[in-house]
Amino acid sequence: MSELPQSLHAQLRDALRARILDGELEPGAKLPSESELTAAHGVSRITVRQALSALQAEGLIVKLHGKGAFVSHSKASQSLNRLQGLNEALSLEQHAVSSKRLAWREVKAPASVARQLQLPANEVVYHLQTLRYLDREPLSVNSSWLPRFLGERLARVDFSQRDLIEVFEHEGGLEIGEAQLEIGAGLAKPQEAKLLQLKPGAPVLQVERLLHLAGGGPVHVEIAVYRADTFRYKLALRR
């Protein structure tokens, strides 16, 4: 029995995949626009979108909302085998990590934050929100809550090129001992999607981290929302 002919979007997907894998389109390169691909290949815009979505699902391209599609760099990854900040972990892979401060203010602790930090209800804490970049592209939206004493120590610190753990230990005078992580899948909320250059409802990686002092209590709560197409965690297990 003869094979069925490939669909148009599969043909376009394969043609673009070949250009990427052959190195004609290098990591970080911008793909032709949807209208350019439509004209060049004589197909509909729907066909182009299906082909690009398939390449994105394979991890070969990333779509930046309002900017177009780009050839993926290899996914950045952080090992969970030891406690370290993102800058420390990704610098070993020759990635550049930076942060932009979006908010830094005193607020009443949300109930869940007060519970995790073992504070009285409605206790005032410092709330820090940042947008983190990986190789100049948006990577994650991070929301942090710190006890008031720590926030006051760090009010004038520049976080843009440094890990919070490093800042806590050097400027804060603390010794961080351990962290508890909860990792799950989610969908980007409208504001998160705007900051991460995604469409609302796009898949994201959600990470909640609670830092503890060495031999002491909790000192920092963070919720991070990552682009799912650019970042992953790694864990080595032994039996």
C-alpha atoms as a PDB file:
ATOM      1  CA  MET A   1       0.000   0.000   0.000  1.00  0.00           C
ATOM      2  CA  SER A   2       1.431   3.389  -0.989  1.00  0.00           C
ATOM      3  CA  GLU A   3       2.169   5.923   1.738  1.00  0.00           C
ATOM      4  CA  LEU A   4      -0.197   8.841   2.191  1.00  0.00           C
ATOM      5  CA  PRO A   5       1.283  12.190   1.124  1.00  0.00           C
ATOM      6  CA  GLN A   6       2.450  14.474   3.918  1.00  0.00           C
ATOM      7  CA  SER A   7       0.205  17.340   4.901  1.00  0.00           C
ATOM      8  CA  LEU A   8       1.336  20.820   3.886  1.00  0.00           C
ATOM      9  CA  HIS A   9       2.114  21.850   7.449  1.00  0.00           C
ATOM     10  CA  ALA A  10       4.233  18.705   7.955  1.00  0.00           C
ATOM     11  CA  GLN A  11       6.150  19.473   4.759  1.00  0.00           C
ATOM     12  CA  LEU A  12       6.827  23.033   5.915  1.00  0.00           C
ATOM     13  CA  ARG A  13       7.751  21.811   9.410  1.00  0.00           C
ATOM     14  CA  ASP A  14      10.273  19.369   7.934  1.00  0.00           C
ATOM     15  CA  ALA A  15      11.753  22.011   5.635  1.00  0.00           C
ATOM     16  CA  LEU A  16      12.264  24.463   8.502  1.00  0.00           C
ATOM     17  CA  ARG A  17      13.549  21.714  10.789  1.00  0.00           C
ATOM     18  CA  ALA A  18      16.169  20.778   8.199  1.00  0.00           C
ATOM     19  CA  ARG A  19      17.349  24.395   7.965  1.00  0.00           C
ATOM     20  CA  ILE A  20      17.709  24.524  11.752  1.00  0.00           C
ATOM     21  CA  LEU A  21      19.469  21.172  12.154  1.00  0.00           C
ATOM     22  CA  ASP A  22      21.794  21.870   9.215  1.00  0.00           C
ATOM     23  CA  GLY A  23      22.891  25.117  10.859  1.00  0.00           C
ATOM     24  CA  GLU A  24      21.478  27.383   8.162  1.00  0.00           C
ATOM     25  CA  LEU A  25      19.323  28.931  10.887  1.00  0.00           C
ATOM     26  CA  GLU A  26      21.569  29.297  13.947  1.00  0.00           C
ATOM     27  CA  PRO A  27      20.500  29.470  17.620  1.00  0.00           C
ATOM     28  CA  GLY A  28      18.912  32.851  18.279  1.00  0.00           C
ATOM     29  CA  ALA A  29      18.189  33.494  14.599  1.00  0.00           C
ATOM     30  CA  LYS A  30      14.779  34.965  13.765  1.00  0.00           C
ATOM     31  CA  LEU A  31      12.633  32.868  11.470  1.00  0.00           C
ATOM     32  CA  PRO A  32      10.857  34.502   8.522  1.00  0.00           C
ATOM     33  CA  SER A  33       7.533  36.045   9.500  1.00  0.00           C
ATOM     34  CA  GLU A  34       4.248  34.218   8.985  1.00  0.00           C
ATOM     35  CA  SER A  35       3.471  36.358   5.937  1.00  0.00           C
ATOM     36  CA  GLU A  36       6.937  35.710   4.472  1.00  0.00           C
ATOM     37  CA  LEU A  37       6.582  31.944   4.968  1.00  0.00           C
ATOM     38  CA  THR A  38       3.084  32.060   3.471  1.00  0.00           C
ATOM     39  CA  ALA A  39       4.366  33.793   0.332  1.00  0.00           C
ATOM     40  CA  ALA A  40       7.577  31.753   0.020  1.00  0.00           C
ATOM     41  CA  HIS A  41       5.893  28.351   0.334  1.00  0.00           C
ATOM     42  CA  GLY A  42       2.508  29.074  -1.214  1.00  0.00           C
ATOM     43  CA  VAL A  43       0.544  27.928   1.827  1.00  0.00           C
ATOM     44  CA  SER A  44      -2.054  29.465   4.114  1.00  0.00           C
ATOM     45  CA  ARG A  45      -1.287  31.313   7.335  1.00  0.00           C
ATOM     46  CA  ILE A  46      -3.024  28.511   9.268  1.00  0.00           C
ATOM     47  CA  THR A  47      -0.606  25.999   7.720  1.00  0.00           C
ATOM     48  CA  VAL A  48       2.354  28.171   8.733  1.00  0.00           C
ATOM     49  CA  ARG A  49       1.073  28.437  12.310  1.00  0.00           C
ATOM     50  CA  GLN A  50       0.607  24.662  12.524  1.00  0.00           C
ATOM     51  CA  ALA A  51       4.180  24.095  11.323  1.00  0.00           C
ATOM     52  CA  LEU A  52       5.611  26.625  13.791  1.00  0.00           C
ATOM     53  CA  SER A  53       3.589  25.170  16.667  1.00  0.00           C
ATOM     54  CA  ALA A  54       4.980  21.715  15.855  1.00  0.00           C
ATOM     55  CA  LEU A  55       8.555  23.056  15.887  1.00  0.00           C
ATOM     56  CA  GLN A  56       7.884  24.816  19.183  1.00  0.00           C
ATOM     57  CA  ALA A  57       6.548  21.564  20.670  1.00  0.00           C
ATOM     58  CA  GLU A  58       9.809  19.885  19.611  1.00  0.00           C
ATOM     59  CA  GLY A  59      11.782  22.608  21.386  1.00  0.00           C
ATOM     60  CA  LEU A  60      13.462  23.795  18.178  1.00  0.00           C
ATOM     61  CA  ILE A  61      12.002  27.309  18.249  1.00  0.00           C
ATOM     62  CA  VAL A  62      10.572  29.764  20.766  1.00  0.00           C
ATOM     63  CA  LYS A  63       7.836  32.277  20.053  1.00  0.00           C
ATOM     64  CA  LEU A  64       8.092  35.735  21.598  1.00  0.00           C
ATOM     65  CA  HIS A  65       4.708  37.426  21.580  1.00  0.00           C
ATOM     66  CA  GLY A  66       4.806  40.420  19.260  1.00  0.00           C
ATOM     67  CA  LYS A  67       8.348  39.659  18.051  1.00  0.00           C
ATOM     68  CA  GLY A  68       8.095  36.411  16.101  1.00  0.00           C
ATOM     69  CA  ALA A  69       9.732  32.978  16.235  1.00  0.00           C
ATOM     70  CA  PHE A  70      13.409  32.343  16.977  1.00  0.00           C
ATOM     71  CA  VAL A  71      15.642  29.286  16.842  1.00  0.00           C
ATOM     72  CA  SER A  72      16.050  27.928  20.362  1.00  0.00           C
ATOM     73  CA  HIS A  73      19.254  27.942  22.298  1.00  0.00           C
ATOM     74  CA  SER A  74      19.766  24.749  24.256  1.00  0.00           C
ATOM     75  CA  LYS A  75      17.448  24.768  27.278  1.00  0.00           C
ATOM     76  CA  ALA A  76      19.051  26.265  30.331  1.00  0.00           C
ATOM     77  CA  SER A  77      18.985  23.910  33.294  1.00  0.00           C
ATOM     78  CA  GLN A  78      19.659  24.057  37.014  1.00  0.00           C
ATOM     79  CA  SER A  79      20.643  21.056  39.099  1.00  0.00           C
ATOM     80  CA  LEU A  80      18.650  20.310  42.231  1.00  0.00           C
ATOM     81  CA  ASN A  81      21.495  18.306  43.747  1.00  0.00           C
ATOM     82  CA  ARG A  82      22.652  21.310  45.778  1.00  0.00           C
ATOM     83  CA  LEU A  83      21.247  24.631  46.942  1.00  0.00           C
ATOM     84  CA  GLN A  84      22.450  27.445  44.711  1.00  0.00           C
ATOM     85  CA  GLY A  85      21.141  30.549  43.017  1.00  0.00           C
ATOM     86  CA  LEU A  86      20.248  30.773  39.353  1.00  0.00           C
ATOM     87  CA  ASN A  87      23.183  33.055  38.476  1.00  0.00           C
ATOM     88  CA  GLU A  88      25.617  30.659  40.103  1.00  0.00           C
ATOM     89  CA  ALA A  89      24.122  27.632  38.350  1.00  0.00           C
ATOM     90  CA  LEU A  90      23.787  29.080  34.850  1.00  0.00           C
ATOM     91  CA  SER A  91      27.131  30.902  34.813  1.00  0.00           C
ATOM     92  CA  LEU A  92      28.705  27.436  34.649  1.00  0.00           C
ATOM     93  CA  GLU A  93      26.837  26.919  31.354  1.00  0.00           C
ATOM     94  CA  GLN A  94      28.067  30.271  29.985  1.00  0.00           C
ATOM     95  CA  HIS A  95      24.629  31.880  30.238  1.00  0.00           C
ATOM     96  CA  ALA A  96      24.141  35.518  31.213  1.00  0.00           C
ATOM     97  CA  VAL A  97      21.472  36.083  33.874  1.00  0.00           C
ATOM     98  CA  SER A  98      20.179  39.502  34.939  1.00  0.00           C
ATOM     99  CA  SER A  99      17.151  40.920  36.742  1.00  0.00           C
ATOM    100  CA  LYS A 100      14.942  43.981  36.483  1.00  0.00           C
ATOM    101  CA  ARG A 101      13.237  45.149  39.670  1.00  0.00           C
ATOM    102  CA  LEU A 102       9.498  45.595  39.155  1.00  0.00           C
ATOM    103  CA  ALA A 103       8.429  46.252  42.753  1.00  0.00           C
ATOM    104  CA  TRP A 104       9.997  46.669  46.209  1.00  0.00           C
ATOM    105  CA  ARG A 105       7.620  47.707  48.965  1.00  0.00           C
ATOM    106  CA  GLU A 106       6.280  47.006  52.442  1.00  0.00           C
ATOM    107  CA  VAL A 107       3.006  45.072  52.477  1.00  0.00           C
ATOM    108  CA  LYS A 108       0.886  43.090  54.888  1.00  0.00           C
ATOM    109  CA  ALA A 109       1.910  39.465  54.528  1.00  0.00           C
ATOM    110  CA  PRO A 110      -0.619  37.334  52.620  1.00  0.00           C
ATOM    111  CA  ALA A 111      -1.967  34.576  54.852  1.00  0.00           C
ATOM    112  CA  SER A 112       0.029  31.845  53.095  1.00  0.00           C
ATOM    113  CA  VAL A 113       3.258  33.869  53.358  1.00  0.00           C
ATOM    114  CA  ALA A 114       2.739  34.638  57.057  1.00  0.00           C
ATOM    115  CA  ARG A 115       2.142  30.949  57.700  1.00  0.00           C
ATOM    116  CA  GLN A 116       5.286  29.846  55.857  1.00  0.00           C
ATOM    117  CA  LEU A 117       7.465  32.510  57.486  1.00  0.00           C
ATOM    118  CA  GLN A 118       5.905  31.735  60.881  1.00  0.00           C
ATOM    119  CA  LEU A 119       4.783  35.339  61.372  1.00  0.00           C
ATOM    120  CA  PRO A 120       1.634  36.741  63.008  1.00  0.00           C
ATOM    121  CA  ALA A 121      -1.320  37.422  60.716  1.00  0.00           C
ATOM    122  CA  ASN A 122      -1.067  40.762  58.861  1.00  0.00           C
ATOM    123  CA  GLU A 123       2.597  41.192  59.845  1.00  0.00           C
ATOM    124  CA  VAL A 124       4.383  43.739  57.630  1.00  0.00           C
ATOM    125  CA  VAL A 125       6.923  42.173  55.256  1.00  0.00           C
ATOM    126  CA  TYR A 126       8.912  43.330  52.239  1.00  0.00           C
ATOM    127  CA  HIS A 127       7.683  42.251  48.815  1.00  0.00           C
ATOM    128  CA  LEU A 128      10.170  42.089  45.928  1.00  0.00           C
ATOM    129  CA  GLN A 129       9.104  41.383  42.355  1.00  0.00           C
ATOM    130  CA  THR A 130      11.633  40.973  39.558  1.00  0.00           C
ATOM    131  CA  LEU A 131      11.737  39.992  35.910  1.00  0.00           C
ATOM    132  CA  ARG A 132      14.721  37.739  35.236  1.00  0.00           C
ATOM    133  CA  TYR A 133      16.435  37.539  31.871  1.00  0.00           C
ATOM    134  CA  LEU A 134      18.450  34.719  30.357  1.00  0.00           C
ATOM    135  CA  ASP A 135      20.811  35.856  27.604  1.00  0.00           C
ATOM    136  CA  ARG A 136      18.740  39.073  27.370  1.00  0.00           C
ATOM    137  CA  GLU A 137      15.434  37.261  26.826  1.00  0.00           C
ATOM    138  CA  PRO A 138      12.716  37.087  29.527  1.00  0.00           C
ATOM    139  CA  LEU A 139      13.008  33.936  31.634  1.00  0.00           C
ATOM    140  CA  SER A 140      10.897  34.258  34.785  1.00  0.00           C
ATOM    141  CA  VAL A 141       8.725  36.508  36.913  1.00  0.00           C
ATOM    142  CA  ASN A 142       9.764  36.192  40.563  1.00  0.00           C
ATOM    143  CA  SER A 143       7.772  37.332  43.601  1.00  0.00           C
ATOM    144  CA  SER A 144       9.531  37.259  46.990  1.00  0.00           C
ATOM    145  CA  TRP A 145       8.507  38.029  50.566  1.00  0.00           C
ATOM    146  CA  LEU A 146      11.068  38.765  53.294  1.00  0.00           C
ATOM    147  CA  PRO A 147      10.702  39.494  57.024  1.00  0.00           C
ATOM    148  CA  ARG A 148      10.848  43.193  57.782  1.00  0.00           C
ATOM    149  CA  PHE A 149      14.255  43.043  59.511  1.00  0.00           C
ATOM    150  CA  LEU A 150      15.840  41.541  56.400  1.00  0.00           C
ATOM    151  CA  GLY A 151      14.111  43.897  53.985  1.00  0.00           C
ATOM    152  CA  GLU A 152      15.413  46.892  55.929  1.00  0.00           C
ATOM    153  CA  ARG A 153      18.979  45.575  55.706  1.00  0.00           C
ATOM    154  CA  LEU A 154      18.703  45.116  51.949  1.00  0.00           C
ATOM    155  CA  ALA A 155      16.789  48.272  51.000  1.00  0.00           C
ATOM    156  CA  ARG A 156      19.709  49.782  49.051  1.00  0.00           C
ATOM    157  CA  VAL A 157      21.136  46.594  47.541  1.00  0.00           C
ATOM    158  CA  ASP A 158      21.279  46.174  43.754  1.00  0.00           C
ATOM    159  CA  PHE A 159      19.851  42.738  42.917  1.00  0.00           C
ATOM    160  CA  SER A 160      20.171  43.032  39.135  1.00  0.00           C
ATOM    161  CA  GLN A 161      23.251  40.826  38.665  1.00  0.00           C
ATOM    162  CA  ARG A 162      23.186  38.733  41.852  1.00  0.00           C
ATOM    163  CA  ASP A 163      21.416  35.793  43.439  1.00  0.00           C
ATOM    164  CA  LEU A 164      19.240  36.484  46.458  1.00  0.00           C
ATOM    165  CA  ILE A 165      20.989  33.733  48.415  1.00  0.00           C
ATOM    166  CA  GLU A 166      24.322  35.509  47.911  1.00  0.00           C
ATOM    167  CA  VAL A 167      22.804  38.843  48.953  1.00  0.00           C
ATOM    168  CA  PHE A 168      21.205  37.322  52.050  1.00  0.00           C
ATOM    169  CA  GLU A 169      24.531  35.850  53.149  1.00  0.00           C
ATOM    170  CA  HIS A 170      26.820  38.785  52.322  1.00  0.00           C
ATOM    171  CA  GLU A 171      24.730  41.921  52.914  1.00  0.00           C
ATOM    172  CA  GLY A 172      22.105  40.316  55.136  1.00  0.00           C
ATOM    173  CA  GLY A 173      24.583  38.561  57.403  1.00  0.00           C
ATOM    174  CA  LEU A 174      22.602  35.308  57.304  1.00  0.00           C
ATOM    175  CA  GLU A 175      23.655  31.702  56.818  1.00  0.00           C
ATOM    176  CA  ILE A 176      21.215  29.881  54.544  1.00  0.00           C
ATOM    177  CA  GLY A 177      20.901  26.206  55.392  1.00  0.00           C
ATOM    178  CA  GLU A 178      18.235  24.564  53.251  1.00  0.00           C
ATOM    179  CA  ALA A 179      15.327  25.098  50.898  1.00  0.00           C
ATOM    180  CA  GLN A 180      11.991  23.441  50.273  1.00  0.00           C
ATOM    181  CA  LEU A 181      10.802  23.429  46.653  1.00  0.00           C
ATOM    182  CA  GLU A 182       7.434  22.753  45.069  1.00  0.00           C
ATOM    183  CA  ILE A 183       7.477  22.520  41.263  1.00  0.00           C
ATOM    184  CA  GLY A 184       4.450  22.282  39.014  1.00  0.00           C
ATOM    185  CA  ALA A 185       3.001  23.140  35.627  1.00  0.00           C
ATOM    186  CA  GLY A 186       0.716  26.092  35.069  1.00  0.00           C
ATOM    187  CA  LEU A 187      -0.706  28.559  32.566  1.00  0.00           C
ATOM    188  CA  ALA A 188       0.531  32.128  32.210  1.00  0.00           C
ATOM    189  CA  LYS A 189      -1.756  34.782  33.670  1.00  0.00           C
ATOM    190  CA  PRO A 190      -2.216  37.920  31.520  1.00  0.00           C
ATOM    191  CA  GLN A 191       0.358  40.048  33.384  1.00  0.00           C
ATOM    192  CA  GLU A 192       2.879  37.189  33.533  1.00  0.00           C
ATOM    193  CA  ALA A 193       2.363  36.520  29.839  1.00  0.00           C
ATOM    194  CA  LYS A 194       2.998  40.178  28.997  1.00  0.00           C
ATOM    195  CA  LEU A 195       6.265  40.236  30.950  1.00  0.00           C
ATOM    196  CA  LEU A 196       7.459  36.880  29.593  1.00  0.00           C
ATOM    197  CA  GLN A 197       6.390  37.739  26.020  1.00  0.00           C
ATOM    198  CA  LEU A 198       3.962  34.834  25.868  1.00  0.00           C
ATOM    199  CA  LYS A 199       0.310  34.538  24.972  1.00  0.00           C
ATOM    200  CA  PRO A 200      -2.029  34.386  27.988  1.00  0.00           C
ATOM    201  CA  GLY A 201      -2.595  30.763  28.907  1.00  0.00           C
ATOM    202  CA  ALA A 202       0.758  29.582  27.518  1.00  0.00           C
ATOM    203  CA  PRO A 203       2.448  26.751  29.489  1.00  0.00           C
ATOM    204  CA  VAL A 204       4.748  27.881  32.303  1.00  0.00           C
ATOM    205  CA  LEU A 205       6.796  26.226  35.033  1.00  0.00           C
ATOM    206  CA  GLN A 206       5.799  27.315  38.544  1.00  0.00           C
ATOM    207  CA  VAL A 207       8.322  27.011  41.374  1.00  0.00           C
ATOM    208  CA  GLU A 208       7.703  27.887  45.023  1.00  0.00           C
ATOM    209  CA  ARG A 209      10.763  28.040  47.281  1.00  0.00           C
ATOM    210  CA  LEU A 210      11.021  28.454  51.048  1.00  0.00           C
ATOM    211  CA  LEU A 211      14.508  29.222  52.398  1.00  0.00           C
ATOM    212  CA  HIS A 212      15.538  28.288  55.940  1.00  0.00           C
ATOM    213  CA  LEU A 213      18.442  29.572  58.004  1.00  0.00           C
ATOM    214  CA  ALA A 214      21.126  27.081  58.982  1.00  0.00           C
ATOM    215  CA  GLY A 215      19.778  25.613  62.200  1.00  0.00           C
ATOM    216  CA  GLY A 216      16.968  28.137  62.242  1.00  0.00           C
ATOM    217  CA  GLY A 217      13.589  29.079  60.883  1.00  0.00           C
ATOM    218  CA  PRO A 218      12.195  30.196  57.512  1.00  0.00           C
ATOM    219  CA  VAL A 219      13.411  33.513  56.135  1.00  0.00           C
ATOM    220  CA  HIS A 220      12.272  33.871  52.516  1.00  0.00           C
ATOM    221  CA  VAL A 221       9.326  32.816  50.351  1.00  0.00           C
ATOM    222  CA  GLU A 222       9.565  33.008  46.567  1.00  0.00           C
ATOM    223  CA  ILE A 223       7.179  32.120  43.758  1.00  0.00           C
ATOM    224  CA  ALA A 224       8.790  32.011  40.311  1.00  0.00           C
ATOM    225  CA  VAL A 225       6.999  31.573  36.988  1.00  0.00           C
ATOM    226  CA  TYR A 226       9.312  30.398  34.190  1.00  0.00           C
ATOM    227  CA  ARG A 227       8.895  30.152  30.448  1.00  0.00           C
ATOM    228  CA  ALA A 228       8.483  26.402  29.974  1.00  0.00           C
ATOM    229  CA  ASP A 229      10.298  26.434  26.631  1.00  0.00           C
ATOM    230  CA  THR A 230      13.601  27.845  27.913  1.00  0.00           C
ATOM    231  CA  PHE A 231      14.258  26.360  31.346  1.00  0.00           C
ATOM    232  CA  ARG A 232      14.272  23.026  33.174  1.00  0.00           C
ATOM    233  CA  TYR A 233      15.475  21.476  36.426  1.00  0.00           C
ATOM    234  CA  LYS A 234      17.741  18.426  36.622  1.00  0.00           C
ATOM    235  CA  LEU A 235      18.026  15.923  39.462  1.00  0.00           C
ATOM    236  CA  ALA A 236      20.347  12.933  39.786  1.00  0.00           C
ATOM    237  CA  LEU A 237      19.030  10.096  41.949  1.00  0.00           C
ATOM    238  CA  ARG A 238      20.911   7.133  43.360  1.00  0.00           C
ATOM    239  CA  ARG A 239      19.490   3.849  44.550  1.00  0.00           C
END
